[in-house]
Amino acid sequence: MAEPDRLPYEGPLPGADAVGESGSMSAGPGVRISFRIDDEARIAAAAFETASLDGARIVASKLCGAVLGATVFQASAVSIPDLALMAGLPLRDPAVRIVHFAKSAAMLPHLGRAAIAGPGITCTCFRVATATIVAAIERMGLRTADQVKDATNAGSGCGSCRPQVEGLIKQHARRD
């Protein structure tokens, strides 16, 4: 069987400064996103590799093209909705999510969680503002992280914001 045509940015990136993986690159399915970062903290080169996940190829290619020349901060702010829009795929498409998680894994060591989207954002995957979550908790009487996830999408990506969501629930949930 012939190998699919190579997309822009597809392949390994020698000398990468930032590498993130999601899934399994050895057994599949998985995605590896690699960046070379210059002295001004800009993405000088970007590449991706996939393992048994052809659906992620177009998403990863679009991501690499979009962040080339961007600052690390700008690249880290590319969200799941941004990727879905770039690739023309549904928001909850697994390929969109796995590419986002690999990109986030590559960026995290260069930023830190709060710097990814700023202090007013709780969920960096879906860019859900803390104020949006608090308003949903107070107005809708939400009491669990799953209810907040259903109402706002916060916590439905990588899950790293779940402890902060639970803290907001403890602070702002109605007490009967």
N, C-alpha and C. Protein backbone atom coordinates (compact mmCIF):
# COMPACT_ATOMS: atom_id res chain seq x y z
N MET A 1 0.84 -1.18 0.00
CA MET A 1 0.00 0.00 0.00
C MET A 1 0.89 1.24 0.00
N ALA A 2 0.57 2.21 -0.82
CA ALA A 2 1.39 3.42 -0.96
C ALA A 2 1.21 4.32 0.25
N GLU A 3 2.29 4.99 0.60
CA GLU A 3 2.25 5.96 1.70
C GLU A 3 1.48 7.19 1.22
N PRO A 4 0.64 7.79 2.08
CA PRO A 4 -0.10 8.98 1.66
C PRO A 4 0.88 10.11 1.31
N ASP A 5 0.44 11.00 0.43
CA ASP A 5 1.29 12.15 0.07
C ASP A 5 1.61 12.95 1.32
N ARG A 6 2.84 13.42 1.36
CA ARG A 6 3.30 14.20 2.49
C ARG A 6 2.65 15.58 2.47
N LEU A 7 2.23 16.05 3.63
CA LEU A 7 1.65 17.38 3.76
C LEU A 7 2.75 18.37 4.16
N PRO A 8 2.50 19.67 4.00
CA PRO A 8 3.47 20.65 4.48
C PRO A 8 3.76 20.44 5.97
N TYR A 9 5.01 20.55 6.33
CA TYR A 9 5.50 20.45 7.72
C TYR A 9 5.52 19.02 8.26
N GLU A 10 5.21 18.03 7.45
CA GLU A 10 5.16 16.65 7.92
C GLU A 10 6.56 16.05 7.91
N GLY A 11 6.94 15.47 9.04
CA GLY A 11 8.24 14.81 9.17
C GLY A 11 8.94 15.25 10.43
N PRO A 12 10.06 14.64 10.74
CA PRO A 12 10.80 15.02 11.95
C PRO A 12 11.42 16.40 11.82
N LEU A 13 11.74 17.02 12.95
CA LEU A 13 12.37 18.33 12.98
C LEU A 13 13.65 18.23 13.79
N PRO A 14 14.78 18.03 13.13
CA PRO A 14 16.06 17.97 13.85
C PRO A 14 16.33 19.27 14.60
N GLY A 15 16.87 19.16 15.79
CA GLY A 15 17.21 20.34 16.58
C GLY A 15 16.03 21.04 17.20
N ALA A 16 14.91 20.36 17.36
CA ALA A 16 13.72 20.98 17.94
C ALA A 16 13.96 21.36 19.39
N ASP A 17 13.45 22.54 19.78
CA ASP A 17 13.54 23.02 21.15
C ASP A 17 12.32 22.66 21.98
N ALA A 18 11.23 22.38 21.30
CA ALA A 18 9.97 22.07 21.98
C ALA A 18 9.32 20.91 21.24
N VAL A 19 9.07 19.83 21.97
CA VAL A 19 8.45 18.65 21.39
C VAL A 19 7.34 18.19 22.33
N GLY A 20 6.17 17.98 21.77
CA GLY A 20 5.04 17.49 22.56
C GLY A 20 4.38 16.33 21.85
N GLU A 21 3.95 15.37 22.64
CA GLU A 21 3.25 14.21 22.08
C GLU A 21 1.92 14.03 22.78
N SER A 22 0.99 13.45 22.03
CA SER A 22 -0.30 13.05 22.58
C SER A 22 -0.63 11.71 21.96
N GLY A 23 -1.09 10.78 22.78
CA GLY A 23 -1.31 9.43 22.30
C GLY A 23 0.00 8.66 22.35
N SER A 24 0.10 7.64 21.52
CA SER A 24 1.29 6.79 21.51
C SER A 24 1.95 6.82 20.14
N MET A 25 3.16 7.33 20.09
CA MET A 25 3.90 7.36 18.83
C MET A 25 4.49 5.98 18.52
N SER A 26 4.62 5.12 19.50
CA SER A 26 5.18 3.79 19.24
C SER A 26 4.12 2.79 18.81
N ALA A 27 2.94 2.87 19.39
CA ALA A 27 1.88 1.91 19.07
C ALA A 27 0.71 2.53 18.32
N GLY A 28 0.62 3.87 18.33
CA GLY A 28 -0.48 4.57 17.67
C GLY A 28 -1.77 4.43 18.45
N PRO A 29 -2.73 5.27 18.24
CA PRO A 29 -2.60 6.50 17.47
C PRO A 29 -1.89 7.57 18.29
N GLY A 30 -1.13 8.41 17.61
CA GLY A 30 -0.40 9.46 18.30
C GLY A 30 0.01 10.58 17.36
N VAL A 31 0.33 11.72 17.97
CA VAL A 31 0.81 12.90 17.24
C VAL A 31 1.99 13.47 18.00
N ARG A 32 3.00 13.86 17.25
CA ARG A 32 4.16 14.59 17.81
C ARG A 32 4.24 15.92 17.08
N ILE A 33 4.28 17.00 17.86
CA ILE A 33 4.45 18.34 17.31
C ILE A 33 5.81 18.84 17.79
N SER A 34 6.62 19.36 16.86
CA SER A 34 7.97 19.84 17.20
C SER A 34 8.13 21.28 16.70
N PHE A 35 8.80 22.08 17.53
CA PHE A 35 9.08 23.47 17.17
C PHE A 35 10.55 23.78 17.41
N ARG A 36 11.11 24.62 16.57
CA ARG A 36 12.42 25.21 16.81
C ARG A 36 12.14 26.66 17.15
N ILE A 37 12.62 27.12 18.30
CA ILE A 37 12.32 28.45 18.81
C ILE A 37 13.58 29.30 18.72
N ASP A 38 13.45 30.51 18.14
CA ASP A 38 14.62 31.38 17.97
C ASP A 38 14.89 32.20 19.23
N ASP A 39 15.91 33.05 19.17
CA ASP A 39 16.33 33.85 20.34
C ASP A 39 15.30 34.88 20.77
N GLU A 40 14.34 35.19 19.90
CA GLU A 40 13.28 36.14 20.23
C GLU A 40 12.00 35.44 20.66
N ALA A 41 12.09 34.16 20.98
CA ALA A 41 10.96 33.33 21.41
C ALA A 41 9.88 33.23 20.33
N ARG A 42 10.32 33.15 19.09
CA ARG A 42 9.40 32.95 17.95
C ARG A 42 9.60 31.55 17.39
N ILE A 43 8.53 31.02 16.81
CA ILE A 43 8.59 29.70 16.19
C ILE A 43 9.31 29.86 14.84
N ALA A 44 10.55 29.36 14.77
CA ALA A 44 11.36 29.48 13.56
C ALA A 44 11.11 28.32 12.61
N ALA A 45 10.73 27.17 13.16
CA ALA A 45 10.42 25.99 12.34
C ALA A 45 9.40 25.15 13.10
N ALA A 46 8.56 24.46 12.35
CA ALA A 46 7.52 23.62 12.95
C ALA A 46 7.36 22.38 12.11
N ALA A 47 7.07 21.26 12.77
CA ALA A 47 6.86 20.00 12.05
C ALA A 47 5.97 19.10 12.89
N PHE A 48 5.42 18.09 12.23
CA PHE A 48 4.59 17.12 12.94
C PHE A 48 4.84 15.73 12.39
N GLU A 49 4.54 14.76 13.23
CA GLU A 49 4.56 13.35 12.84
C GLU A 49 3.32 12.70 13.43
N THR A 50 2.80 11.70 12.75
CA THR A 50 1.65 10.95 13.27
C THR A 50 1.96 9.47 13.25
N ALA A 51 1.23 8.73 14.08
CA ALA A 51 1.32 7.28 14.11
C ALA A 51 -0.10 6.74 14.11
N SER A 52 -0.49 6.09 13.03
CA SER A 52 -1.82 5.48 12.91
C SER A 52 -2.94 6.47 13.17
N LEU A 53 -2.79 7.69 12.70
CA LEU A 53 -3.82 8.70 12.93
C LEU A 53 -3.85 9.68 11.75
N ASP A 54 -4.21 9.17 10.59
CA ASP A 54 -4.23 10.00 9.38
C ASP A 54 -5.14 11.21 9.52
N GLY A 55 -6.22 11.08 10.30
CA GLY A 55 -7.15 12.19 10.47
C GLY A 55 -6.53 13.42 11.09
N ALA A 56 -5.42 13.25 11.81
CA ALA A 56 -4.77 14.38 12.47
C ALA A 56 -3.78 15.10 11.56
N ARG A 57 -3.47 14.52 10.43
CA ARG A 57 -2.43 15.10 9.57
C ARG A 57 -2.78 16.50 9.09
N ILE A 58 -4.00 16.70 8.61
CA ILE A 58 -4.38 18.02 8.10
C ILE A 58 -4.44 19.04 9.24
N VAL A 59 -4.90 18.61 10.41
CA VAL A 59 -4.98 19.52 11.56
C VAL A 59 -3.57 19.96 11.96
N ALA A 60 -2.66 19.00 12.06
CA ALA A 60 -1.29 19.31 12.46
C ALA A 60 -0.59 20.18 11.42
N SER A 61 -0.83 19.92 10.15
CA SER A 61 -0.23 20.72 9.09
C SER A 61 -0.72 22.16 9.16
N LYS A 62 -2.02 22.34 9.36
CA LYS A 62 -2.60 23.69 9.48
C LYS A 62 -2.03 24.41 10.70
N LEU A 63 -1.90 23.69 11.82
CA LEU A 63 -1.34 24.29 13.03
C LEU A 63 0.08 24.77 12.77
N CYS A 64 0.91 23.91 12.21
CA CYS A 64 2.32 24.27 11.97
C CYS A 64 2.41 25.50 11.08
N GLY A 65 1.62 25.57 10.04
CA GLY A 65 1.63 26.73 9.16
C GLY A 65 1.17 27.99 9.86
N ALA A 66 0.19 27.86 10.74
CA ALA A 66 -0.37 29.02 11.44
C ALA A 66 0.58 29.61 12.47
N VAL A 67 1.38 28.77 13.12
CA VAL A 67 2.24 29.28 14.20
C VAL A 67 3.64 29.65 13.74
N LEU A 68 3.99 29.32 12.53
CA LEU A 68 5.32 29.65 12.03
C LEU A 68 5.52 31.17 12.05
N GLY A 69 6.52 31.63 12.76
CA GLY A 69 6.78 33.06 12.90
C GLY A 69 6.10 33.69 14.10
N ALA A 70 5.18 32.97 14.72
CA ALA A 70 4.47 33.49 15.91
C ALA A 70 5.37 33.38 17.14
N THR A 71 5.06 34.16 18.15
CA THR A 71 5.78 34.01 19.42
C THR A 71 5.29 32.74 20.10
N VAL A 72 6.07 32.27 21.05
CA VAL A 72 5.67 31.10 21.83
C VAL A 72 4.33 31.38 22.52
N PHE A 73 4.16 32.58 23.03
CA PHE A 73 2.90 32.95 23.68
C PHE A 73 1.74 32.87 22.70
N GLN A 74 1.92 33.42 21.49
CA GLN A 74 0.86 33.38 20.48
C GLN A 74 0.54 31.94 20.07
N ALA A 75 1.55 31.13 19.88
CA ALA A 75 1.34 29.73 19.50
C ALA A 75 0.61 28.96 20.58
N SER A 76 0.94 29.25 21.83
CA SER A 76 0.29 28.54 22.92
C SER A 76 -1.18 28.91 23.05
N ALA A 77 -1.56 30.08 22.56
CA ALA A 77 -2.95 30.53 22.67
C ALA A 77 -3.86 29.93 21.61
N VAL A 78 -3.32 29.17 20.66
CA VAL A 78 -4.17 28.52 19.65
C VAL A 78 -4.98 27.45 20.38
N SER A 79 -6.29 27.60 20.34
CA SER A 79 -7.20 26.74 21.11
C SER A 79 -7.81 25.63 20.25
N ILE A 80 -8.53 24.75 20.89
CA ILE A 80 -9.25 23.69 20.18
C ILE A 80 -10.23 24.30 19.17
N PRO A 81 -11.04 25.29 19.53
CA PRO A 81 -11.92 25.90 18.52
C PRO A 81 -11.14 26.51 17.35
N ASP A 82 -9.98 27.12 17.63
CA ASP A 82 -9.15 27.68 16.55
C ASP A 82 -8.72 26.57 15.59
N LEU A 83 -8.24 25.46 16.13
CA LEU A 83 -7.79 24.35 15.30
C LEU A 83 -8.93 23.74 14.49
N ALA A 84 -10.07 23.58 15.11
CA ALA A 84 -11.23 23.02 14.40
C ALA A 84 -11.60 23.92 13.22
N LEU A 85 -11.59 25.22 13.44
CA LEU A 85 -11.90 26.17 12.38
C LEU A 85 -10.87 26.10 11.25
N MET A 86 -9.59 26.08 11.62
CA MET A 86 -8.51 26.00 10.61
C MET A 86 -8.65 24.77 9.72
N ALA A 87 -8.99 23.64 10.35
CA ALA A 87 -9.04 22.37 9.63
C ALA A 87 -10.42 22.07 9.04
N GLY A 88 -11.43 22.88 9.38
CA GLY A 88 -12.77 22.64 8.88
C GLY A 88 -13.39 21.39 9.46
N LEU A 89 -13.09 21.12 10.73
CA LEU A 89 -13.59 19.92 11.40
C LEU A 89 -14.48 20.31 12.58
N PRO A 90 -15.32 19.39 13.04
CA PRO A 90 -16.15 19.67 14.21
C PRO A 90 -15.29 19.89 15.45
N LEU A 91 -15.80 20.70 16.34
CA LEU A 91 -15.10 21.06 17.57
C LEU A 91 -14.64 19.84 18.37
N ARG A 92 -15.46 18.82 18.43
CA ARG A 92 -15.14 17.65 19.26
C ARG A 92 -14.45 16.53 18.49
N ASP A 93 -13.96 16.82 17.30
CA ASP A 93 -13.26 15.80 16.52
C ASP A 93 -12.00 15.36 17.27
N PRO A 94 -11.80 14.06 17.45
CA PRO A 94 -10.63 13.58 18.20
C PRO A 94 -9.30 14.04 17.60
N ALA A 95 -9.22 14.19 16.30
CA ALA A 95 -7.97 14.64 15.67
C ALA A 95 -7.62 16.06 16.12
N VAL A 96 -8.63 16.91 16.24
CA VAL A 96 -8.41 18.29 16.68
C VAL A 96 -7.87 18.29 18.11
N ARG A 97 -8.47 17.49 18.95
CA ARG A 97 -8.06 17.44 20.35
C ARG A 97 -6.65 16.90 20.53
N ILE A 98 -6.33 15.82 19.84
CA ILE A 98 -5.01 15.21 20.03
C ILE A 98 -3.90 16.13 19.53
N VAL A 99 -4.14 16.87 18.44
CA VAL A 99 -3.15 17.83 17.96
C VAL A 99 -3.00 18.97 18.96
N HIS A 100 -4.11 19.44 19.49
CA HIS A 100 -4.05 20.52 20.49
C HIS A 100 -3.26 20.06 21.72
N PHE A 101 -3.52 18.86 22.19
CA PHE A 101 -2.81 18.37 23.37
C PHE A 101 -1.32 18.24 23.12
N ALA A 102 -0.93 17.78 21.92
CA ALA A 102 0.49 17.67 21.58
C ALA A 102 1.14 19.06 21.52
N LYS A 103 0.43 20.02 20.91
CA LYS A 103 0.94 21.40 20.85
C LYS A 103 1.10 21.98 22.24
N SER A 104 0.11 21.75 23.09
CA SER A 104 0.17 22.27 24.45
C SER A 104 1.32 21.64 25.23
N ALA A 105 1.54 20.35 25.04
CA ALA A 105 2.65 19.67 25.71
C ALA A 105 3.99 20.25 25.28
N ALA A 106 4.10 20.62 24.01
CA ALA A 106 5.34 21.22 23.52
C ALA A 106 5.55 22.62 24.10
N MET A 107 4.50 23.39 24.26
CA MET A 107 4.59 24.78 24.70
C MET A 107 4.74 24.92 26.21
N LEU A 108 4.13 24.04 26.96
CA LEU A 108 4.04 24.20 28.42
C LEU A 108 5.39 24.46 29.10
N PRO A 109 6.44 23.71 28.77
CA PRO A 109 7.71 24.00 29.45
C PRO A 109 8.26 25.40 29.16
N HIS A 110 7.81 26.01 28.10
CA HIS A 110 8.30 27.33 27.73
C HIS A 110 7.45 28.46 28.30
N LEU A 111 6.35 28.12 28.96
CA LEU A 111 5.43 29.15 29.42
C LEU A 111 5.01 29.05 30.88
N GLY A 112 4.48 27.95 31.26
CA GLY A 112 3.78 27.83 32.53
C GLY A 112 2.30 28.03 32.27
N ARG A 113 1.45 27.38 33.05
CA ARG A 113 0.01 27.34 32.81
C ARG A 113 -0.66 28.72 32.72
N ALA A 114 -0.41 29.62 33.67
CA ALA A 114 -1.09 30.92 33.68
C ALA A 114 -0.70 31.76 32.47
N ALA A 115 0.53 31.59 32.00
CA ALA A 115 0.98 32.39 30.87
C ALA A 115 0.38 31.93 29.55
N ILE A 116 -0.16 30.73 29.50
CA ILE A 116 -0.71 30.22 28.25
C ILE A 116 -1.80 31.13 27.72
N ALA A 117 -2.73 31.52 28.57
CA ALA A 117 -3.85 32.34 28.09
C ALA A 117 -4.11 33.55 28.97
N GLY A 118 -3.33 33.75 30.01
CA GLY A 118 -3.53 34.87 30.90
C GLY A 118 -4.30 34.44 32.14
N PRO A 119 -4.25 35.26 33.16
CA PRO A 119 -4.86 34.88 34.44
C PRO A 119 -6.38 34.81 34.43
N GLY A 120 -7.04 35.43 33.45
CA GLY A 120 -8.50 35.43 33.40
C GLY A 120 -9.09 34.21 32.73
N ILE A 121 -8.26 33.31 32.23
CA ILE A 121 -8.72 32.11 31.54
C ILE A 121 -8.45 30.90 32.43
N THR A 122 -9.49 30.13 32.71
CA THR A 122 -9.33 28.91 33.50
C THR A 122 -9.04 27.73 32.60
N CYS A 123 -9.84 27.55 31.56
CA CYS A 123 -9.69 26.41 30.65
C CYS A 123 -8.97 26.88 29.39
N THR A 124 -7.69 26.49 29.25
CA THR A 124 -6.92 26.93 28.10
C THR A 124 -7.29 26.16 26.84
N CYS A 125 -7.79 24.94 26.96
CA CYS A 125 -8.17 24.17 25.77
C CYS A 125 -9.29 24.87 25.00
N PHE A 126 -10.29 25.37 25.72
CA PHE A 126 -11.44 26.00 25.08
C PHE A 126 -11.50 27.50 25.37
N ARG A 127 -10.46 28.04 26.01
CA ARG A 127 -10.37 29.46 26.32
C ARG A 127 -11.62 29.94 27.07
N VAL A 128 -11.99 29.20 28.09
CA VAL A 128 -13.16 29.56 28.90
C VAL A 128 -12.68 30.45 30.04
N ALA A 129 -13.23 31.65 30.08
CA ALA A 129 -12.85 32.63 31.10
C ALA A 129 -13.35 32.20 32.47
N THR A 130 -12.58 32.56 33.47
CA THR A 130 -12.96 32.29 34.85
C THR A 130 -14.31 32.93 35.15
N ALA A 131 -14.51 34.15 34.67
CA ALA A 131 -15.79 34.86 34.90
C ALA A 131 -16.97 34.10 34.29
N THR A 132 -16.77 33.45 33.16
CA THR A 132 -17.83 32.67 32.52
C THR A 132 -18.21 31.48 33.40
N ILE A 133 -17.21 30.83 33.95
CA ILE A 133 -17.45 29.67 34.82
C ILE A 133 -18.17 30.11 36.09
N VAL A 134 -17.71 31.19 36.71
CA VAL A 134 -18.35 31.69 37.94
C VAL A 134 -19.80 32.07 37.66
N ALA A 135 -20.04 32.75 36.55
CA ALA A 135 -21.42 33.14 36.20
C ALA A 135 -22.30 31.91 36.02
N ALA A 136 -21.79 30.87 35.36
CA ALA A 136 -22.58 29.65 35.16
C ALA A 136 -22.87 28.97 36.49
N ILE A 137 -21.88 28.91 37.37
CA ILE A 137 -22.08 28.29 38.69
C ILE A 137 -23.16 29.04 39.46
N GLU A 138 -23.09 30.35 39.48
CA GLU A 138 -24.03 31.16 40.25
C GLU A 138 -25.42 31.19 39.63
N ARG A 139 -25.51 31.38 38.33
CA ARG A 139 -26.81 31.52 37.67
C ARG A 139 -27.54 30.19 37.49
N MET A 140 -26.78 29.13 37.23
CA MET A 140 -27.41 27.84 36.93
C MET A 140 -27.42 26.90 38.12
N GLY A 141 -26.81 27.33 39.23
CA GLY A 141 -26.79 26.49 40.42
C GLY A 141 -25.94 25.24 40.26
N LEU A 142 -24.87 25.33 39.50
CA LEU A 142 -24.02 24.17 39.24
C LEU A 142 -23.24 23.79 40.51
N ARG A 143 -23.10 22.47 40.71
CA ARG A 143 -22.43 21.99 41.92
C ARG A 143 -21.33 20.98 41.66
N THR A 144 -21.15 20.55 40.41
CA THR A 144 -20.11 19.56 40.10
C THR A 144 -19.29 20.02 38.89
N ALA A 145 -18.08 19.50 38.81
CA ALA A 145 -17.23 19.81 37.66
C ALA A 145 -17.85 19.31 36.36
N ASP A 146 -18.55 18.18 36.41
CA ASP A 146 -19.21 17.67 35.20
C ASP A 146 -20.33 18.61 34.74
N GLN A 147 -21.07 19.20 35.68
CA GLN A 147 -22.10 20.16 35.30
C GLN A 147 -21.48 21.40 34.66
N VAL A 148 -20.35 21.86 35.21
CA VAL A 148 -19.65 23.02 34.63
C VAL A 148 -19.14 22.66 33.24
N LYS A 149 -18.62 21.45 33.08
CA LYS A 149 -18.13 21.00 31.77
C LYS A 149 -19.26 21.01 30.74
N ASP A 150 -20.41 20.48 31.12
CA ASP A 150 -21.56 20.45 30.21
C ASP A 150 -22.05 21.86 29.85
N ALA A 151 -22.00 22.76 30.80
CA ALA A 151 -22.53 24.11 30.59
C ALA A 151 -21.55 25.03 29.85
N THR A 152 -20.24 24.83 30.05
CA THR A 152 -19.27 25.80 29.53
C THR A 152 -18.16 25.20 28.66
N ASN A 153 -18.02 23.89 28.64
CA ASN A 153 -16.90 23.17 28.01
C ASN A 153 -15.65 23.15 28.86
N ALA A 154 -15.57 23.96 29.91
CA ALA A 154 -14.38 23.98 30.77
C ALA A 154 -14.17 22.59 31.38
N GLY A 155 -12.97 22.07 31.21
CA GLY A 155 -12.65 20.77 31.77
C GLY A 155 -12.90 19.61 30.82
N SER A 156 -13.38 19.89 29.62
CA SER A 156 -13.68 18.79 28.69
C SER A 156 -12.54 18.54 27.71
N GLY A 157 -11.43 19.25 27.86
CA GLY A 157 -10.26 19.02 27.02
C GLY A 157 -9.27 18.14 27.75
N CYS A 158 -8.13 18.71 28.10
CA CYS A 158 -7.07 17.93 28.73
C CYS A 158 -7.35 17.63 30.20
N GLY A 159 -8.22 18.42 30.83
CA GLY A 159 -8.58 18.18 32.23
C GLY A 159 -7.68 18.85 33.25
N SER A 160 -6.63 19.54 32.81
CA SER A 160 -5.70 20.13 33.79
C SER A 160 -6.33 21.28 34.58
N CYS A 161 -7.44 21.83 34.10
CA CYS A 161 -8.10 22.93 34.82
C CYS A 161 -9.14 22.43 35.83
N ARG A 162 -9.39 21.14 35.82
CA ARG A 162 -10.44 20.59 36.69
C ARG A 162 -10.27 20.97 38.17
N PRO A 163 -9.06 20.90 38.75
CA PRO A 163 -8.92 21.34 40.15
C PRO A 163 -9.32 22.80 40.36
N GLN A 164 -8.99 23.67 39.40
CA GLN A 164 -9.36 25.07 39.52
C GLN A 164 -10.88 25.23 39.39
N VAL A 165 -11.51 24.46 38.48
CA VAL A 165 -12.97 24.49 38.35
C VAL A 165 -13.62 24.04 39.66
N GLU A 166 -13.11 22.98 40.25
CA GLU A 166 -13.66 22.50 41.52
C GLU A 166 -13.50 23.54 42.62
N GLY A 167 -12.38 24.27 42.61
CA GLY A 167 -12.19 25.36 43.58
C GLY A 167 -13.19 26.48 43.38
N LEU A 168 -13.49 26.81 42.13
CA LEU A 168 -14.50 27.84 41.84
C LEU A 168 -15.88 27.40 42.30
N ILE A 169 -16.17 26.11 42.15
CA ILE A 169 -17.47 25.58 42.62
C ILE A 169 -17.56 25.74 44.13
N LYS A 170 -16.50 25.39 44.85
CA LYS A 170 -16.50 25.52 46.32
C LYS A 170 -16.70 26.97 46.74
N GLN A 171 -16.11 27.90 46.00
CA GLN A 171 -16.23 29.32 46.33
C GLN A 171 -17.58 29.91 45.99
N HIS A 172 -18.17 29.47 44.86
CA HIS A 172 -19.31 30.21 44.33
C HIS A 172 -20.64 29.44 44.25
N ALA A 173 -20.63 28.15 44.56
CA ALA A 173 -21.89 27.38 44.49
C ALA A 173 -22.84 27.82 45.58
N ARG A 174 -24.13 27.80 45.26
CA ARG A 174 -25.16 28.14 46.25
C ARG A 174 -25.11 27.14 47.40
N ARG A 175 -25.27 27.67 48.56
CA ARG A 175 -25.32 26.80 49.75
C ARG A 175 -26.77 26.77 50.24
N ASP A 176 -27.33 25.59 50.24
CA ASP A 176 -28.74 25.47 50.69
C ASP A 176 -28.83 25.15 52.14
